[in-house]
Amino acid sequence: MSMDRLRTFARRLRWPFQSPIDPPCTMPTFRTHLTPNPNSIKITTDAGPFIDGGMLSFNTPTEAEGHALAELLFRTPGLAGVFIMPDFLTVTKQPAATWDDVLPTVKSILADYFGRAA
């Protein structure tokens, strides 16, 4: 995927999706940001910190055991890694996977996770 195409795709991924006639949405907003690695996307939110402090990095589902959010994210087919800081999360997909397949599942998991935490 070219960088221009990836930028266009990332712009489309503004969460939550809401039309101008919908009532105000109280769901958290998630934003995607390009990274130098085309297989990784950085995600930020207004819902609060992803973790309380430090950093966490997981490259396999086994490594993610014991961390609720990372375990949930690794249920996403095509996901290769999760990097978590308090103010952002970066997900890395497997090279053969497409963002069209991976990001909707990640979005759903994050919305559910932060909805439960509220």
N, C-alpha and C. Protein backbone atom coordinates (compact mmCIF):
# COMPACT_ATOMS: atom_id res chain seq x y z
N MET A 1 0.86 -1.17 0.00
CA MET A 1 0.00 0.00 0.00
C MET A 1 0.91 1.23 0.00
N SER A 2 0.65 2.16 -0.90
CA SER A 2 1.46 3.37 -0.97
C SER A 2 1.19 4.25 0.25
N MET A 3 2.12 5.14 0.56
CA MET A 3 1.94 6.02 1.71
C MET A 3 0.74 6.95 1.52
N ASP A 4 0.52 7.46 0.29
CA ASP A 4 -0.64 8.32 0.05
C ASP A 4 -1.93 7.56 0.30
N ARG A 5 -1.98 6.33 -0.17
CA ARG A 5 -3.18 5.52 0.03
C ARG A 5 -3.38 5.21 1.52
N LEU A 6 -2.28 4.95 2.22
CA LEU A 6 -2.36 4.69 3.66
C LEU A 6 -2.82 5.94 4.41
N ARG A 7 -2.34 7.12 4.01
CA ARG A 7 -2.80 8.36 4.64
C ARG A 7 -4.30 8.56 4.44
N THR A 8 -4.77 8.32 3.21
CA THR A 8 -6.20 8.46 2.92
C THR A 8 -7.00 7.49 3.77
N PHE A 9 -6.52 6.26 3.87
CA PHE A 9 -7.21 5.25 4.67
C PHE A 9 -7.24 5.67 6.14
N ALA A 10 -6.11 6.18 6.65
CA ALA A 10 -6.05 6.58 8.06
C ALA A 10 -6.99 7.74 8.34
N ARG A 11 -7.13 8.67 7.40
CA ARG A 11 -8.06 9.79 7.60
C ARG A 11 -9.50 9.32 7.70
N ARG A 12 -9.82 8.26 6.97
CA ARG A 12 -11.19 7.73 7.01
C ARG A 12 -11.51 7.10 8.35
N LEU A 13 -10.50 6.74 9.11
CA LEU A 13 -10.70 6.01 10.35
C LEU A 13 -10.79 6.93 11.56
N ARG A 14 -11.72 7.81 11.54
CA ARG A 14 -11.99 8.67 12.69
C ARG A 14 -13.13 8.02 13.46
N TRP A 15 -12.88 7.70 14.71
CA TRP A 15 -13.86 6.98 15.50
C TRP A 15 -14.47 7.89 16.52
N PRO A 16 -15.69 7.81 16.91
CA PRO A 16 -16.73 6.98 16.29
C PRO A 16 -17.27 7.66 15.04
N PHE A 17 -17.89 6.87 14.19
CA PHE A 17 -18.51 7.42 12.99
C PHE A 17 -19.83 8.04 13.39
N GLN A 18 -20.06 9.28 12.99
CA GLN A 18 -21.26 10.00 13.42
C GLN A 18 -21.65 10.98 12.32
N SER A 19 -22.94 11.01 11.99
CA SER A 19 -23.41 11.97 10.99
C SER A 19 -23.75 13.28 11.67
N PRO A 20 -23.83 14.39 10.91
CA PRO A 20 -24.14 15.69 11.51
C PRO A 20 -25.51 15.75 12.17
N ILE A 21 -26.44 14.87 11.79
CA ILE A 21 -27.78 14.92 12.38
C ILE A 21 -27.93 14.01 13.59
N ASP A 22 -26.92 13.21 13.88
CA ASP A 22 -26.97 12.35 15.06
C ASP A 22 -26.87 13.20 16.32
N PRO A 23 -27.46 12.73 17.43
CA PRO A 23 -27.25 13.46 18.69
C PRO A 23 -25.79 13.37 19.09
N PRO A 24 -25.34 14.26 19.96
CA PRO A 24 -23.94 14.21 20.38
C PRO A 24 -23.57 12.82 20.90
N CYS A 25 -22.42 12.37 20.52
CA CYS A 25 -21.95 11.03 20.87
C CYS A 25 -21.09 11.11 22.13
N THR A 26 -21.37 10.25 23.07
CA THR A 26 -20.59 10.23 24.30
C THR A 26 -19.54 9.12 24.29
N MET A 27 -19.47 8.38 23.18
CA MET A 27 -18.45 7.34 23.07
C MET A 27 -17.08 7.99 22.94
N PRO A 28 -16.05 7.29 23.37
CA PRO A 28 -14.71 7.85 23.21
C PRO A 28 -14.36 8.01 21.73
N THR A 29 -13.53 8.97 21.45
CA THR A 29 -13.05 9.19 20.09
C THR A 29 -11.66 8.60 19.98
N PHE A 30 -11.42 7.85 18.91
CA PHE A 30 -10.12 7.27 18.63
C PHE A 30 -9.60 7.88 17.34
N ARG A 31 -8.32 8.21 17.32
CA ARG A 31 -7.71 8.78 16.12
C ARG A 31 -6.53 7.90 15.72
N THR A 32 -6.38 7.73 14.42
CA THR A 32 -5.26 6.96 13.90
C THR A 32 -4.20 7.91 13.36
N HIS A 33 -2.95 7.51 13.51
CA HIS A 33 -1.81 8.31 13.06
C HIS A 33 -0.84 7.38 12.34
N LEU A 34 -0.34 7.84 11.20
CA LEU A 34 0.64 7.05 10.47
C LEU A 34 1.94 6.97 11.25
N THR A 35 2.66 5.89 11.02
CA THR A 35 3.99 5.72 11.61
C THR A 35 4.97 5.47 10.45
N PRO A 36 6.26 5.53 10.71
CA PRO A 36 7.22 5.22 9.63
C PRO A 36 7.06 3.79 9.10
N ASN A 37 6.54 2.90 9.91
CA ASN A 37 6.33 1.51 9.50
C ASN A 37 4.92 1.39 8.90
N PRO A 38 4.78 1.06 7.62
CA PRO A 38 3.44 0.96 7.03
C PRO A 38 2.60 -0.18 7.61
N ASN A 39 3.23 -1.08 8.37
CA ASN A 39 2.48 -2.16 9.02
C ASN A 39 2.03 -1.79 10.42
N SER A 40 2.32 -0.56 10.86
CA SER A 40 1.93 -0.12 12.20
C SER A 40 1.11 1.17 12.12
N ILE A 41 0.13 1.28 13.00
CA ILE A 41 -0.66 2.50 13.13
C ILE A 41 -0.75 2.85 14.61
N LYS A 42 -0.52 4.12 14.89
CA LYS A 42 -0.62 4.66 16.25
C LYS A 42 -2.06 5.12 16.47
N ILE A 43 -2.60 4.83 17.65
CA ILE A 43 -3.98 5.20 17.98
C ILE A 43 -3.96 6.00 19.28
N THR A 44 -4.66 7.13 19.26
CA THR A 44 -4.83 7.95 20.47
C THR A 44 -6.32 8.04 20.77
N THR A 45 -6.64 8.42 22.01
CA THR A 45 -8.04 8.52 22.41
C THR A 45 -8.22 9.63 23.43
N ASP A 46 -9.47 10.10 23.52
CA ASP A 46 -9.84 11.06 24.56
C ASP A 46 -10.46 10.34 25.76
N ALA A 47 -10.44 9.01 25.74
CA ALA A 47 -11.10 8.22 26.78
C ALA A 47 -10.27 8.07 28.05
N GLY A 48 -9.04 8.54 28.02
CA GLY A 48 -8.17 8.37 29.17
C GLY A 48 -6.95 7.56 28.78
N PRO A 49 -6.07 7.29 29.74
CA PRO A 49 -4.84 6.57 29.41
C PRO A 49 -5.09 5.11 29.06
N PHE A 50 -4.26 4.58 28.17
CA PHE A 50 -4.31 3.16 27.84
C PHE A 50 -3.76 2.33 28.99
N ILE A 51 -2.72 2.85 29.66
CA ILE A 51 -2.16 2.25 30.87
C ILE A 51 -1.80 3.39 31.82
N ASP A 52 -1.57 3.06 33.08
CA ASP A 52 -1.30 4.09 34.08
C ASP A 52 0.09 4.70 33.96
N GLY A 53 1.05 3.95 33.50
CA GLY A 53 2.41 4.46 33.37
C GLY A 53 3.31 3.44 32.72
N GLY A 54 4.48 3.87 32.35
CA GLY A 54 5.45 2.97 31.74
C GLY A 54 5.11 2.66 30.30
N MET A 55 5.56 1.48 29.85
CA MET A 55 5.26 1.02 28.51
C MET A 55 5.17 -0.49 28.51
N LEU A 56 4.38 -1.00 27.60
CA LEU A 56 4.22 -2.44 27.44
C LEU A 56 4.36 -2.78 25.97
N SER A 57 5.02 -3.87 25.67
CA SER A 57 5.20 -4.31 24.30
C SER A 57 4.95 -5.81 24.23
N PHE A 58 4.10 -6.22 23.30
CA PHE A 58 3.73 -7.63 23.14
C PHE A 58 3.86 -8.01 21.68
N ASN A 59 4.55 -9.11 21.41
CA ASN A 59 4.72 -9.58 20.03
C ASN A 59 3.98 -10.88 19.76
N THR A 60 3.43 -11.48 20.80
CA THR A 60 2.67 -12.72 20.63
C THR A 60 1.50 -12.73 21.61
N PRO A 61 0.48 -13.52 21.32
CA PRO A 61 -0.62 -13.65 22.29
C PRO A 61 -0.14 -14.19 23.64
N THR A 62 0.85 -15.06 23.63
CA THR A 62 1.37 -15.61 24.88
C THR A 62 2.00 -14.51 25.74
N GLU A 63 2.75 -13.62 25.11
CA GLU A 63 3.34 -12.49 25.85
C GLU A 63 2.27 -11.59 26.44
N ALA A 64 1.12 -11.50 25.77
CA ALA A 64 0.04 -10.60 26.20
C ALA A 64 -0.79 -11.16 27.34
N GLU A 65 -0.61 -12.44 27.67
CA GLU A 65 -1.40 -13.05 28.73
C GLU A 65 -1.23 -12.26 30.03
N GLY A 66 -2.35 -11.96 30.67
CA GLY A 66 -2.33 -11.22 31.91
C GLY A 66 -2.62 -9.73 31.74
N HIS A 67 -2.61 -9.24 30.51
CA HIS A 67 -2.97 -7.84 30.25
C HIS A 67 -4.25 -7.84 29.42
N ALA A 68 -5.34 -7.42 30.03
CA ALA A 68 -6.67 -7.57 29.43
C ALA A 68 -6.77 -6.96 28.04
N LEU A 69 -6.34 -5.72 27.86
CA LEU A 69 -6.48 -5.06 26.56
C LEU A 69 -5.64 -5.76 25.50
N ALA A 70 -4.40 -6.07 25.82
CA ALA A 70 -3.53 -6.74 24.84
C ALA A 70 -4.08 -8.12 24.47
N GLU A 71 -4.59 -8.85 25.44
CA GLU A 71 -5.20 -10.16 25.15
C GLU A 71 -6.35 -10.01 24.17
N LEU A 72 -7.20 -9.02 24.41
CA LEU A 72 -8.34 -8.79 23.51
C LEU A 72 -7.86 -8.41 22.12
N LEU A 73 -6.88 -7.53 22.03
CA LEU A 73 -6.40 -7.10 20.72
C LEU A 73 -5.80 -8.25 19.92
N PHE A 74 -5.13 -9.18 20.60
CA PHE A 74 -4.53 -10.31 19.89
C PHE A 74 -5.56 -11.30 19.37
N ARG A 75 -6.82 -11.11 19.67
CA ARG A 75 -7.87 -11.92 19.04
C ARG A 75 -8.13 -11.47 17.61
N THR A 76 -7.55 -10.35 17.22
CA THR A 76 -7.72 -9.80 15.87
C THR A 76 -6.89 -10.61 14.88
N PRO A 77 -7.53 -11.22 13.89
CA PRO A 77 -6.76 -11.93 12.86
C PRO A 77 -5.84 -10.96 12.13
N GLY A 78 -4.60 -11.37 11.95
CA GLY A 78 -3.63 -10.55 11.23
C GLY A 78 -2.82 -9.61 12.10
N LEU A 79 -3.09 -9.57 13.41
CA LEU A 79 -2.34 -8.69 14.29
C LEU A 79 -1.01 -9.33 14.66
N ALA A 80 0.07 -8.55 14.60
CA ALA A 80 1.40 -9.08 14.88
C ALA A 80 2.02 -8.51 16.15
N GLY A 81 1.55 -7.35 16.61
CA GLY A 81 2.15 -6.76 17.79
C GLY A 81 1.33 -5.62 18.36
N VAL A 82 1.55 -5.37 19.66
CA VAL A 82 0.86 -4.29 20.36
C VAL A 82 1.89 -3.58 21.24
N PHE A 83 1.96 -2.26 21.12
CA PHE A 83 2.85 -1.44 21.93
C PHE A 83 1.97 -0.42 22.64
N ILE A 84 2.05 -0.37 23.98
CA ILE A 84 1.14 0.48 24.74
C ILE A 84 1.93 1.45 25.62
N MET A 85 1.56 2.72 25.51
CA MET A 85 2.05 3.78 26.38
C MET A 85 0.81 4.43 27.00
N PRO A 86 0.96 5.25 28.04
CA PRO A 86 -0.24 5.86 28.63
C PRO A 86 -1.08 6.65 27.63
N ASP A 87 -0.43 7.40 26.74
CA ASP A 87 -1.20 8.29 25.85
C ASP A 87 -1.40 7.78 24.43
N PHE A 88 -0.88 6.60 24.10
CA PHE A 88 -1.14 6.03 22.79
C PHE A 88 -0.92 4.53 22.78
N LEU A 89 -1.44 3.93 21.73
CA LEU A 89 -1.31 2.49 21.50
C LEU A 89 -0.89 2.34 20.05
N THR A 90 0.05 1.47 19.77
CA THR A 90 0.42 1.17 18.39
C THR A 90 0.14 -0.30 18.13
N VAL A 91 -0.59 -0.56 17.06
CA VAL A 91 -0.83 -1.93 16.64
C VAL A 91 -0.06 -2.18 15.35
N THR A 92 0.51 -3.36 15.25
CA THR A 92 1.25 -3.77 14.07
C THR A 92 0.57 -4.98 13.47
N LYS A 93 0.33 -4.90 12.17
CA LYS A 93 -0.31 -6.01 11.48
C LYS A 93 0.75 -6.88 10.82
N GLN A 94 0.38 -8.11 10.52
CA GLN A 94 1.25 -8.97 9.74
C GLN A 94 1.33 -8.42 8.33
N PRO A 95 2.47 -8.56 7.65
CA PRO A 95 2.61 -7.98 6.31
C PRO A 95 1.53 -8.43 5.32
N ALA A 96 1.06 -9.65 5.43
CA ALA A 96 0.05 -10.15 4.49
C ALA A 96 -1.35 -9.64 4.80
N ALA A 97 -1.56 -9.12 6.00
CA ALA A 97 -2.89 -8.62 6.39
C ALA A 97 -3.11 -7.23 5.82
N THR A 98 -4.38 -6.84 5.71
CA THR A 98 -4.70 -5.49 5.24
C THR A 98 -5.31 -4.70 6.39
N TRP A 99 -5.13 -3.38 6.35
CA TRP A 99 -5.73 -2.54 7.38
C TRP A 99 -7.25 -2.59 7.30
N ASP A 100 -7.80 -2.80 6.12
CA ASP A 100 -9.26 -2.93 5.99
C ASP A 100 -9.78 -4.11 6.79
N ASP A 101 -8.97 -5.14 6.95
CA ASP A 101 -9.38 -6.32 7.73
C ASP A 101 -9.09 -6.14 9.22
N VAL A 102 -7.97 -5.53 9.56
CA VAL A 102 -7.51 -5.45 10.95
C VAL A 102 -8.19 -4.33 11.74
N LEU A 103 -8.24 -3.12 11.20
CA LEU A 103 -8.68 -1.96 11.99
C LEU A 103 -10.13 -1.99 12.45
N PRO A 104 -11.08 -2.49 11.68
CA PRO A 104 -12.45 -2.54 12.22
C PRO A 104 -12.55 -3.37 13.50
N THR A 105 -11.81 -4.48 13.55
CA THR A 105 -11.82 -5.31 14.76
C THR A 105 -11.14 -4.59 15.91
N VAL A 106 -10.01 -3.96 15.65
CA VAL A 106 -9.31 -3.20 16.69
C VAL A 106 -10.22 -2.09 17.22
N LYS A 107 -10.88 -1.38 16.32
CA LYS A 107 -11.80 -0.30 16.71
C LYS A 107 -12.90 -0.82 17.62
N SER A 108 -13.48 -1.93 17.26
CA SER A 108 -14.55 -2.52 18.06
C SER A 108 -14.06 -2.93 19.44
N ILE A 109 -12.89 -3.54 19.50
CA ILE A 109 -12.32 -3.96 20.78
C ILE A 109 -12.05 -2.75 21.67
N LEU A 110 -11.47 -1.69 21.11
CA LEU A 110 -11.18 -0.50 21.90
C LEU A 110 -12.46 0.17 22.40
N ALA A 111 -13.46 0.27 21.54
CA ALA A 111 -14.73 0.89 21.95
C ALA A 111 -15.37 0.09 23.08
N ASP A 112 -15.36 -1.24 22.97
CA ASP A 112 -15.92 -2.08 24.03
C ASP A 112 -15.09 -1.96 25.31
N TYR A 113 -13.77 -1.99 25.18
CA TYR A 113 -12.89 -1.94 26.33
C TYR A 113 -13.07 -0.63 27.11
N PHE A 114 -13.06 0.49 26.42
CA PHE A 114 -13.22 1.77 27.10
C PHE A 114 -14.65 1.99 27.55
N GLY A 115 -15.61 1.40 26.87
CA GLY A 115 -17.01 1.48 27.31
C GLY A 115 -17.22 0.76 28.63
N ARG A 116 -16.56 -0.38 28.80
CA ARG A 116 -16.65 -1.14 30.05
C ARG A 116 -15.92 -0.43 31.18
N ALA A 117 -14.80 0.22 30.84
CA ALA A 117 -13.98 0.87 31.87
C ALA A 117 -14.63 2.13 32.41
N ALA A 118 -15.57 2.70 31.65
CA ALA A 118 -16.19 3.96 32.07
C ALA A 118 -17.14 3.78 33.22
